[in-house]
Amino acid sequence: MRAYLTTTLLSVASIFTIAGAASAAELSIYTTREPGLIQPLLDSFTSETGIKVNTVFLKDGLVERVASEGESSPADILMTVDAGNLIDLVEKGLTQPVDSAALKEAVPEQLRDADGNWFALSMRARVVYAAKDLDLNTINYEDLSDPKWKGKLCIRSGQHPYNTALIAAYIAHHGAEEAETWLAGVKDNLARKPAGGDREGAKDILGAICDIAVGNSYYVGLMRSGRGGEEQKQWGDAIKVLLPTFKDGGTHVNISGAALAKHAPNKDEAVKLLEYLVSDDAQKIYAEANFEYPVKASVPADPIIAELGELKIDAKPLTEVVANRKQASELVDKVGFDN
């Protein structure tokens, strides 16, 4: 009897030890996004699963950090803004594919890697801000080079990733030669030297420096909600926002996204987190917290962003767009866009 009780107690202790080990699982995310922007999502995941998530914020040098750590890297998930950064990780051999029905169902095909090495989690559209009294209700990206906008267009540096991505998308649609002609035309239409951020475009429309500006959609939410302060609310209220499309396509979007690290110590739990981030609950948090578009079609955008109209996502795969980044950057220098 004593031997039986001892064996039983050891078995029970073993069960609790295994259960404790499972509940003690912790994930590590290396992210170039400010942790505060994703913390509500991670807190919700931990509350639902009991899995703690630690974040390591790396403003620069994510690729170098993960590569130098090699097989001993504690990173489970690599999270970045901009599709180009995700593809850089894949090309450096720092990711591994994920075969998940939940991820494939939630994320549109053009917003994920064909082999499952990365997935978009949220989107921001490259839109046009326009003066409220301007007789303009629709516009194509191609129209930005129209001479009728001469001296009326504001934009940030052509070498900023937001703009090189748009130029790369233009190349994907029309080829490098047409893209160069277009970019030179956009330069001729500038009201001022490319500078500042996207919100400065709205500010300069209010100040009558320009009639239209190119900016990202989520800045509209930040301005109009008042989160950027009362002055920025005035900028946001001074503009109307148009969702441009390519003449043979849709609206250009860029993304925040994530990949499973090649040497992830907690692969199963990491995949659970990736799947959670495209769930209805998480996508709703993305929409409300950051004014980003959810990638999951069934989840509505924040009301401020929804008011911009229906988003028709360009069908060009982001992998194809990103392949043109270097050439896009070279065109910016070639036409002297930022001079």
Protein backbone atom coordinates (compact mmCIF):
# COMPACT_ATOMS: atom_id res chain seq x y z
CA MET A 1 0.00 0.00 0.00
CA ARG A 2 2.85 2.37 0.94
CA ALA A 3 4.54 1.67 -2.41
CA TYR A 4 1.25 2.23 -4.25
CA LEU A 5 0.68 5.60 -2.52
CA THR A 6 4.24 6.66 -3.26
CA THR A 7 3.85 5.79 -6.93
CA THR A 8 0.49 7.57 -7.09
CA LEU A 9 1.84 10.72 -5.44
CA LEU A 10 4.82 10.76 -7.78
CA SER A 11 2.47 10.42 -10.75
CA VAL A 12 0.30 13.30 -9.52
CA ALA A 13 3.39 15.42 -8.88
CA SER A 14 4.61 14.65 -12.37
CA ILE A 15 1.28 15.74 -13.88
CA PHE A 16 1.40 19.04 -11.99
CA THR A 17 5.00 19.56 -13.03
CA ILE A 18 4.13 19.07 -16.70
CA ALA A 19 1.07 21.29 -16.40
CA GLY A 20 3.11 23.94 -14.64
CA ALA A 21 5.75 23.84 -17.34
CA ALA A 22 3.09 24.25 -20.02
CA SER A 23 1.44 27.20 -18.28
CA ALA A 24 4.83 28.80 -17.71
CA ALA A 25 5.52 29.02 -21.45
CA GLU A 26 6.71 32.48 -22.45
CA LEU A 27 7.12 33.95 -25.89
CA SER A 28 9.66 36.50 -27.03
CA ILE A 29 8.90 38.99 -29.79
CA TYR A 30 11.57 41.06 -31.46
CA THR A 31 9.75 44.07 -32.84
CA THR A 32 10.49 47.29 -34.68
CA ARG A 33 7.05 48.55 -33.65
CA GLU A 34 6.78 50.57 -30.47
CA PRO A 35 5.75 47.95 -27.87
CA GLY A 36 2.99 50.25 -26.60
CA LEU A 37 1.19 49.94 -29.93
CA ILE A 38 0.90 46.16 -29.68
CA GLN A 39 0.71 45.72 -25.88
CA PRO A 40 -3.11 45.68 -25.77
CA LEU A 41 -3.04 42.75 -28.20
CA LEU A 42 -0.44 40.86 -26.22
CA ASP A 43 -2.26 41.47 -22.92
CA SER A 44 -5.45 40.10 -24.47
CA PHE A 45 -3.60 37.01 -25.75
CA THR A 46 -2.06 36.35 -22.33
CA SER A 47 -5.43 36.75 -20.64
CA GLU A 48 -6.96 34.22 -23.03
CA THR A 49 -4.15 31.64 -23.09
CA GLY A 50 -2.02 32.19 -19.99
CA ILE A 51 1.05 32.51 -22.22
CA LYS A 52 3.19 35.50 -21.29
CA VAL A 53 4.71 37.54 -24.10
CA ASN A 54 7.93 39.51 -23.72
CA THR A 55 8.88 42.18 -26.25
CA VAL A 56 12.30 43.39 -27.30
CA PHE A 57 12.07 46.71 -29.14
CA LEU A 58 14.70 47.20 -31.82
CA LYS A 59 14.40 50.51 -33.65
CA ASP A 60 17.27 49.45 -35.91
CA GLY A 61 19.35 46.35 -36.54
CA LEU A 62 16.72 43.63 -36.24
CA VAL A 63 18.25 41.52 -39.01
CA GLU A 64 21.76 41.90 -37.59
CA ARG A 65 20.62 41.04 -34.05
CA VAL A 66 18.79 37.85 -35.02
CA ALA A 67 21.55 36.76 -37.41
CA SER A 68 24.26 37.24 -34.78
CA GLU A 69 22.32 35.23 -32.18
CA GLY A 70 21.95 32.28 -34.55
CA GLU A 71 20.48 29.08 -33.14
CA SER A 72 20.65 30.44 -29.58
CA SER A 73 18.29 33.32 -30.37
CA PRO A 74 15.38 33.53 -27.90
CA ALA A 75 13.18 35.22 -30.52
CA ASP A 76 9.97 33.36 -31.35
CA ILE A 77 8.30 36.00 -33.52
CA LEU A 78 9.80 38.80 -35.60
CA MET A 79 7.42 41.73 -36.03
CA THR A 80 8.00 44.73 -38.30
CA VAL A 81 6.37 47.61 -40.12
CA ASP A 82 6.73 47.59 -43.94
CA ALA A 83 6.62 44.51 -46.13
CA GLY A 84 10.18 45.14 -47.27
CA ASN A 85 11.51 44.55 -43.77
CA LEU A 86 9.71 41.21 -43.57
CA ILE A 87 11.06 40.11 -46.93
CA ASP A 88 14.56 41.11 -45.82
CA LEU A 89 14.22 38.66 -42.94
CA VAL A 90 13.15 35.88 -45.30
CA GLU A 91 16.00 36.58 -47.73
CA LYS A 92 18.51 36.41 -44.86
CA GLY A 93 17.20 32.97 -43.88
CA LEU A 94 15.91 34.14 -40.50
CA THR A 95 12.33 32.84 -40.74
CA GLN A 96 10.54 29.53 -41.13
CA PRO A 97 7.26 28.79 -42.91
CA VAL A 98 3.95 28.42 -41.10
CA ASP A 99 1.21 26.25 -42.55
CA SER A 100 -1.92 27.56 -40.87
CA ALA A 101 -5.45 27.44 -42.24
CA ALA A 102 -6.48 30.27 -39.90
CA LEU A 103 -3.76 32.59 -41.23
CA LYS A 104 -4.44 31.71 -44.86
CA GLU A 105 -8.15 32.29 -44.42
CA ALA A 106 -7.77 35.64 -42.66
CA VAL A 107 -4.93 37.24 -44.65
CA PRO A 108 -5.49 38.08 -48.35
CA GLU A 109 -3.13 36.26 -50.68
CA GLN A 110 -1.30 39.40 -51.87
CA LEU A 111 -0.60 40.35 -48.22
CA ARG A 112 1.31 37.21 -47.22
CA ASP A 113 4.28 35.19 -48.35
CA ALA A 114 3.37 32.41 -50.78
CA ASP A 115 5.40 29.95 -48.70
CA GLY A 116 4.05 31.11 -45.34
CA ASN A 117 7.20 32.90 -44.17
CA TRP A 118 5.37 36.12 -43.22
CA PHE A 119 1.85 37.44 -42.82
CA ALA A 120 0.35 40.92 -42.76
CA LEU A 121 -1.46 41.76 -39.53
CA SER A 122 -2.73 45.26 -40.30
CA MET A 123 -2.71 47.73 -43.20
CA ARG A 124 -2.37 51.42 -43.90
CA ALA A 125 -3.39 52.90 -47.26
CA ARG A 126 -1.41 55.54 -49.19
CA VAL A 127 -4.10 58.17 -49.71
CA VAL A 128 -4.53 61.73 -50.93
CA TYR A 129 -5.44 64.58 -48.61
CA ALA A 130 -7.26 67.45 -50.35
CA ALA A 131 -8.52 70.89 -49.38
CA LYS A 132 -12.16 70.63 -48.36
CA ASP A 133 -13.32 73.28 -50.82
CA LEU A 134 -11.52 71.63 -53.75
CA ASP A 135 -13.79 70.26 -56.47
CA LEU A 136 -12.24 66.83 -56.33
CA ASN A 137 -13.91 63.58 -55.31
CA THR A 138 -11.79 60.88 -56.99
CA ILE A 139 -8.16 60.62 -58.10
CA ASN A 140 -5.76 58.01 -59.45
CA TYR A 141 -2.09 57.76 -58.50
CA GLU A 142 -1.30 58.43 -62.16
CA ASP A 143 -3.07 61.80 -61.86
CA LEU A 144 -0.49 63.12 -59.39
CA SER A 145 1.79 64.00 -62.32
CA ASP A 146 -0.93 65.94 -64.17
CA PRO A 147 0.32 69.53 -64.82
CA LYS A 148 -2.95 70.89 -63.42
CA TRP A 149 -1.44 70.25 -59.98
CA LYS A 150 1.69 72.30 -60.70
CA GLY A 151 2.74 74.08 -57.50
CA LYS A 152 -0.13 72.49 -55.56
CA LEU A 153 1.20 69.15 -54.24
CA CYS A 154 2.88 68.45 -50.88
CA ILE A 155 4.67 65.23 -49.93
CA ARG A 156 7.41 63.99 -47.61
CA SER A 157 10.84 62.83 -48.84
CA GLY A 158 10.78 60.58 -51.85
CA GLN A 159 13.31 58.35 -50.11
CA HIS A 160 11.01 57.68 -47.18
CA PRO A 161 9.89 54.02 -47.18
CA TYR A 162 6.23 55.08 -47.51
CA ASN A 163 7.03 56.76 -50.81
CA THR A 164 9.59 54.33 -52.20
CA ALA A 165 6.95 51.63 -51.64
CA LEU A 166 4.41 53.65 -53.64
CA ILE A 167 6.93 54.25 -56.44
CA ALA A 168 7.81 50.53 -56.39
CA ALA A 169 4.11 49.75 -56.79
CA TYR A 170 3.95 52.18 -59.74
CA ILE A 171 6.86 50.31 -61.35
CA ALA A 172 4.99 47.02 -60.79
CA HIS A 173 2.01 48.43 -62.68
CA HIS A 174 3.67 50.46 -65.44
CA GLY A 175 7.38 49.62 -65.64
CA ALA A 176 10.43 51.68 -64.71
CA GLU A 177 10.41 53.97 -67.77
CA GLU A 178 6.85 55.18 -67.21
CA ALA A 179 7.51 55.42 -63.48
CA GLU A 180 10.45 57.77 -64.09
CA THR A 181 8.33 60.04 -66.30
CA TRP A 182 5.56 60.02 -63.71
CA LEU A 183 7.91 60.78 -60.82
CA ALA A 184 9.46 63.69 -62.72
CA GLY A 185 5.94 65.01 -63.29
CA VAL A 186 5.10 64.70 -59.59
CA LYS A 187 8.29 66.63 -58.78
CA ASP A 188 7.24 69.41 -61.17
CA ASN A 189 3.96 69.72 -59.26
CA LEU A 190 5.52 70.19 -55.82
CA ALA A 191 4.45 73.24 -53.84
CA ARG A 192 7.53 72.95 -51.62
CA LYS A 193 10.59 70.77 -51.16
CA PRO A 194 9.66 67.25 -49.98
CA ALA A 195 10.03 67.32 -46.19
CA GLY A 196 8.41 66.61 -42.84
CA GLY A 197 5.92 63.86 -42.23
CA ASP A 198 2.55 62.99 -43.70
CA ARG A 199 0.67 65.13 -41.19
CA GLU A 200 2.59 68.20 -42.36
CA GLY A 201 0.81 67.76 -45.68
CA ALA A 202 -2.54 68.30 -43.95
CA LYS A 203 -1.07 71.23 -42.02
CA ASP A 204 0.14 72.85 -45.23
CA ILE A 205 -3.25 72.38 -46.89
CA LEU A 206 -4.79 74.26 -43.96
CA GLY A 207 -2.10 76.91 -44.43
CA ALA A 208 -2.92 77.20 -48.17
CA ILE A 209 0.60 76.11 -49.18
CA CYS A 210 -0.79 73.22 -51.23
CA ASP A 211 -4.14 71.90 -52.43
CA ILE A 212 -3.40 68.17 -52.20
CA ALA A 213 -0.93 66.01 -50.28
CA VAL A 214 0.02 62.33 -50.14
CA GLY A 215 -0.20 60.65 -46.75
CA ASN A 216 -1.07 57.47 -44.89
CA SER A 217 -4.62 56.71 -43.84
CA TYR A 218 -3.96 56.06 -40.14
CA TYR A 219 -2.65 59.59 -39.65
CA VAL A 220 -6.16 60.79 -40.45
CA GLY A 221 -7.40 58.85 -37.44
CA LEU A 222 -4.65 60.20 -35.22
CA MET A 223 -5.42 63.78 -36.27
CA ARG A 224 -9.22 63.73 -36.29
CA SER A 225 -9.52 61.78 -33.04
CA GLY A 226 -7.54 64.44 -31.20
CA ARG A 227 -4.86 61.97 -30.09
CA GLY A 228 -2.23 64.17 -31.73
CA GLY A 229 -3.45 67.26 -29.89
CA GLU A 230 -5.86 70.05 -30.69
CA GLU A 231 -3.67 71.62 -33.37
CA GLN A 232 -3.46 68.35 -35.32
CA LYS A 233 -7.22 67.92 -34.97
CA GLN A 234 -7.59 71.18 -36.87
CA TRP A 235 -5.31 69.82 -39.61
CA GLY A 236 -7.40 66.66 -39.89
CA ASP A 237 -10.66 68.57 -39.97
CA ALA A 238 -9.34 70.85 -42.74
CA ILE A 239 -9.00 68.07 -45.31
CA LYS A 240 -11.07 65.56 -47.19
CA VAL A 241 -9.47 62.20 -47.86
CA LEU A 242 -9.54 60.33 -51.15
CA LEU A 243 -8.67 56.67 -51.68
CA PRO A 244 -6.68 56.69 -54.94
CA THR A 245 -6.26 53.63 -57.11
CA PHE A 246 -3.99 52.69 -59.96
CA LYS A 247 -5.91 52.90 -63.22
CA ASP A 248 -5.48 49.15 -63.70
CA GLY A 249 -5.65 48.21 -60.03
CA GLY A 250 -6.56 49.20 -56.49
CA THR A 251 -5.29 51.28 -53.61
CA HIS A 252 -1.68 50.80 -52.57
CA VAL A 253 -1.31 49.55 -49.00
CA ASN A 254 1.62 48.82 -46.78
CA ILE A 255 1.50 46.64 -43.72
CA SER A 256 2.65 45.70 -40.31
CA GLY A 257 3.33 42.00 -40.14
CA ALA A 258 5.12 39.15 -38.46
CA ALA A 259 7.14 36.02 -39.14
CA LEU A 260 8.03 32.92 -37.16
CA ALA A 261 11.73 33.06 -36.27
CA LYS A 262 13.84 30.28 -37.76
CA HIS A 263 15.04 29.03 -34.37
CA ALA A 264 11.89 29.85 -32.35
CA PRO A 265 12.19 27.99 -29.01
CA ASN A 266 8.40 27.95 -28.57
CA LYS A 267 7.13 27.28 -32.07
CA ASP A 268 3.67 25.92 -31.20
CA GLU A 269 2.88 28.80 -28.85
CA ALA A 270 4.25 31.30 -31.38
CA VAL A 271 1.92 29.97 -34.07
CA LYS A 272 -0.96 30.31 -31.59
CA LEU A 273 -0.07 33.98 -31.16
CA LEU A 274 0.13 34.58 -34.91
CA GLU A 275 -3.29 32.98 -35.33
CA TYR A 276 -4.66 35.02 -32.47
CA LEU A 277 -3.42 38.25 -34.08
CA VAL A 278 -5.70 37.64 -37.08
CA SER A 279 -8.70 36.68 -34.93
CA ASP A 280 -11.75 38.94 -34.83
CA ASP A 281 -10.90 40.19 -31.34
CA ALA A 282 -7.30 41.07 -32.15
CA GLN A 283 -8.13 42.65 -35.49
CA LYS A 284 -10.70 44.85 -33.73
CA ILE A 285 -8.00 45.99 -31.30
CA TYR A 286 -5.70 46.85 -34.23
CA ALA A 287 -8.47 48.96 -35.73
CA GLU A 288 -9.32 50.79 -32.54
CA ALA A 289 -5.86 51.26 -31.08
CA ASN A 290 -3.91 52.41 -34.15
CA PHE A 291 -6.51 53.41 -36.78
CA GLU A 292 -5.08 50.73 -39.08
CA TYR A 293 -7.15 48.69 -41.48
CA PRO A 294 -7.74 45.11 -40.31
CA VAL A 295 -6.47 42.52 -42.78
CA LYS A 296 -9.45 40.34 -42.01
CA ALA A 297 -12.28 41.44 -44.28
CA SER A 298 -15.03 40.61 -41.78
CA VAL A 299 -13.68 43.05 -39.17
CA PRO A 300 -14.69 46.70 -39.67
CA ALA A 301 -12.25 49.60 -39.58
CA ASP A 302 -12.50 52.29 -36.90
CA PRO A 303 -15.42 54.63 -37.72
CA ILE A 304 -13.06 57.52 -38.55
CA ILE A 305 -11.27 55.35 -41.12
CA ALA A 306 -14.47 53.72 -42.35
CA GLU A 307 -15.73 57.19 -43.27
CA LEU A 308 -12.99 57.43 -45.91
CA GLY A 309 -14.91 54.99 -48.08
CA GLU A 310 -14.53 51.42 -49.26
CA LEU A 311 -10.93 50.26 -49.54
CA LYS A 312 -10.18 48.30 -52.69
CA ILE A 313 -6.79 46.73 -51.98
CA ASP A 314 -4.43 46.62 -54.94
CA ALA A 315 -4.08 43.05 -56.18
CA LYS A 316 -0.34 43.26 -56.90
CA PRO A 317 1.45 40.94 -54.43
CA LEU A 318 3.59 42.88 -51.99
CA THR A 319 6.48 40.56 -52.81
CA GLU A 320 6.35 41.87 -56.40
CA VAL A 321 6.16 45.47 -55.20
CA VAL A 322 9.05 45.09 -52.76
CA ALA A 323 11.23 43.64 -55.52
CA ASN A 324 11.18 47.12 -57.10
CA ARG A 325 12.28 49.05 -53.98
CA LYS A 326 15.90 49.50 -55.02
CA GLN A 327 14.94 50.73 -58.47
CA ALA A 328 12.36 53.07 -56.92
CA SER A 329 15.02 54.60 -54.68
CA GLU A 330 17.33 55.04 -57.65
CA LEU A 331 14.59 56.85 -59.58
CA VAL A 332 14.11 59.28 -56.68
CA ASP A 333 17.77 60.27 -56.98
CA LYS A 334 17.75 60.21 -60.77
CA VAL A 335 14.97 62.79 -61.09
CA GLY A 336 16.33 64.82 -58.17
CA PHE A 337 13.03 64.47 -56.36
CA ASP A 338 14.27 65.60 -52.95
CA ASN A 339 16.51 68.41 -54.23
